[in-house]
Amino acid sequence: MTKKEIEQISQRVAELVLSELMYHADTFVIPTSSNSEEDLLAELASTMTQLDFELQRENYEKCTELQQKIKIIENKLKNYK
């Protein structure tokens, strides 16, 4: 097996692992009792990262869900101030 083949396999494995982690990311979120501005900003950043990942995978159904979640978080941030 050549180095190029090994590199291709390792990249594919990494993509599959990241894909599964992003797919199940909602189950790993630690619930917070309050929605401080810092918590909302962190959640917004995480959701936007997930959206970018799903766009690259062309998973548009998940993108729609994430866009709705982003709008909700942005509205909370507007009301926070």
C-alpha atoms as a PDB file:
ATOM      1  CA  MET A   1       0.000   0.000   0.000  1.00  0.00           C
ATOM      2  CA  THR A   2       1.441   3.366  -0.992  1.00  0.00           C
ATOM      3  CA  LYS A   3       1.575   6.470   1.168  1.00  0.00           C
ATOM      4  CA  LYS A   4      -0.996   8.094  -1.103  1.00  0.00           C
ATOM      5  CA  GLU A   5      -3.446   5.223  -0.591  1.00  0.00           C
ATOM      6  CA  ILE A   6      -2.904   5.300   3.167  1.00  0.00           C
ATOM      7  CA  GLU A   7      -3.526   9.056   3.170  1.00  0.00           C
ATOM      8  CA  GLN A   8      -6.757   8.622   1.188  1.00  0.00           C
ATOM      9  CA  ILE A   9      -7.995   5.960   3.606  1.00  0.00           C
ATOM     10  CA  SER A  10      -7.103   8.045   6.655  1.00  0.00           C
ATOM     11  CA  GLN A  11      -8.896  11.076   5.203  1.00  0.00           C
ATOM     12  CA  ARG A  12     -11.996   8.994   4.506  1.00  0.00           C
ATOM     13  CA  VAL A  13     -11.981   7.574   8.038  1.00  0.00           C
ATOM     14  CA  ALA A  14     -11.612  11.086   9.475  1.00  0.00           C
ATOM     15  CA  GLU A  15     -14.551  12.310   7.349  1.00  0.00           C
ATOM     16  CA  LEU A  16     -16.739   9.443   8.553  1.00  0.00           C
ATOM     17  CA  VAL A  17     -15.855  10.047  12.203  1.00  0.00           C
ATOM     18  CA  LEU A  18     -16.500  13.787  11.935  1.00  0.00           C
ATOM     19  CA  SER A  19     -19.735  13.150  10.075  1.00  0.00           C
ATOM     20  CA  GLU A  20     -21.036  10.917  12.859  1.00  0.00           C
ATOM     21  CA  LEU A  21     -19.909  13.343  15.552  1.00  0.00           C
ATOM     22  CA  MET A  22     -21.669  16.258  13.865  1.00  0.00           C
ATOM     23  CA  TYR A  23     -24.795  14.186  13.260  1.00  0.00           C
ATOM     24  CA  HIS A  24     -25.009  13.316  16.950  1.00  0.00           C
ATOM     25  CA  ALA A  25     -23.764  16.686  18.214  1.00  0.00           C
ATOM     26  CA  ASP A  26     -27.156  17.617  19.682  1.00  0.00           C
ATOM     27  CA  THR A  27     -26.992  14.654  22.047  1.00  0.00           C
ATOM     28  CA  PHE A  28     -23.660  15.851  23.478  1.00  0.00           C
ATOM     29  CA  VAL A  29     -24.814  19.375  24.340  1.00  0.00           C
ATOM     30  CA  ILE A  30     -24.696  20.020  28.060  1.00  0.00           C
ATOM     31  CA  PRO A  31     -27.988  21.623  29.084  1.00  0.00           C
ATOM     32  CA  THR A  32     -27.739  24.955  30.845  1.00  0.00           C
ATOM     33  CA  SER A  33     -30.299  26.291  33.235  1.00  0.00           C
ATOM     34  CA  SER A  34     -29.898  29.873  32.076  1.00  0.00           C
ATOM     35  CA  ASN A  35     -29.611  31.516  28.697  1.00  0.00           C
ATOM     36  CA  SER A  36     -26.910  34.060  29.386  1.00  0.00           C
ATOM     37  CA  GLU A  37     -25.597  36.067  26.495  1.00  0.00           C
ATOM     38  CA  GLU A  38     -22.373  34.049  26.570  1.00  0.00           C
ATOM     39  CA  ASP A  39     -24.303  30.754  26.396  1.00  0.00           C
ATOM     40  CA  LEU A  40     -26.401  32.013  23.500  1.00  0.00           C
ATOM     41  CA  LEU A  41     -23.329  33.173  21.581  1.00  0.00           C
ATOM     42  CA  ALA A  42     -21.630  29.812  22.106  1.00  0.00           C
ATOM     43  CA  GLU A  43     -24.759  27.997  20.954  1.00  0.00           C
ATOM     44  CA  LEU A  44     -25.004  30.269  17.910  1.00  0.00           C
ATOM     45  CA  ALA A  45     -21.380  29.605  16.960  1.00  0.00           C
ATOM     46  CA  SER A  46     -21.863  25.854  17.345  1.00  0.00           C
ATOM     47  CA  THR A  47     -25.040  25.859  15.283  1.00  0.00           C
ATOM     48  CA  MET A  48     -23.436  27.913  12.519  1.00  0.00           C
ATOM     49  CA  THR A  49     -20.531  25.461  12.410  1.00  0.00           C
ATOM     50  CA  GLN A  50     -22.979  22.582  12.105  1.00  0.00           C
ATOM     51  CA  LEU A  51     -24.794  24.448   9.321  1.00  0.00           C
ATOM     52  CA  ASP A  52     -21.550  24.900   7.384  1.00  0.00           C
ATOM     53  CA  PHE A  53     -20.736  21.213   7.797  1.00  0.00           C
ATOM     54  CA  GLU A  54     -24.178  20.122   6.594  1.00  0.00           C
ATOM     55  CA  LEU A  55     -23.973  22.500   3.615  1.00  0.00           C
ATOM     56  CA  GLN A  56     -20.727  20.837   2.574  1.00  0.00           C
ATOM     57  CA  ARG A  57     -22.443  17.441   2.859  1.00  0.00           C
ATOM     58  CA  GLU A  58     -25.411  18.848   0.876  1.00  0.00           C
ATOM     59  CA  ASN A  59     -27.811  17.723   3.626  1.00  0.00           C
ATOM     60  CA  TYR A  60     -30.340  20.469   2.963  1.00  0.00           C
ATOM     61  CA  GLU A  61     -33.074  19.105   5.227  1.00  0.00           C
ATOM     62  CA  LYS A  62     -30.758  19.385   8.236  1.00  0.00           C
ATOM     63  CA  CYS A  63     -29.676  22.835   6.993  1.00  0.00           C
ATOM     64  CA  THR A  64     -33.276  24.026   7.148  1.00  0.00           C
ATOM     65  CA  GLU A  65     -33.587  22.834  10.746  1.00  0.00           C
ATOM     66  CA  LEU A  66     -30.322  24.526  11.680  1.00  0.00           C
ATOM     67  CA  GLN A  67     -31.365  27.801  10.016  1.00  0.00           C
ATOM     68  CA  GLN A  68     -34.540  27.821  12.093  1.00  0.00           C
ATOM     69  CA  LYS A  69     -32.511  27.163  15.225  1.00  0.00           C
ATOM     70  CA  ILE A  70     -30.163  30.047  14.323  1.00  0.00           C
ATOM     71  CA  LYS A  71     -33.121  32.420  13.908  1.00  0.00           C
ATOM     72  CA  ILE A  72     -34.446  31.425  17.347  1.00  0.00           C
ATOM     73  CA  ILE A  73     -31.054  31.998  18.968  1.00  0.00           C
ATOM     74  CA  GLU A  74     -30.639  35.353  17.194  1.00  0.00           C
ATOM     75  CA  ASN A  75     -34.081  36.452  18.410  1.00  0.00           C
ATOM     76  CA  LYS A  76     -33.135  35.496  21.985  1.00  0.00           C
ATOM     77  CA  LEU A  77     -29.972  37.543  21.631  1.00  0.00           C
ATOM     78  CA  LYS A  78     -31.923  40.547  20.362  1.00  0.00           C
ATOM     79  CA  ASN A  79     -34.306  40.282  23.302  1.00  0.00           C
ATOM     80  CA  TYR A  80     -31.405  39.825  25.711  1.00  0.00           C
ATOM     81  CA  LYS A  81     -30.082  43.318  25.040  1.00  0.00           C
END
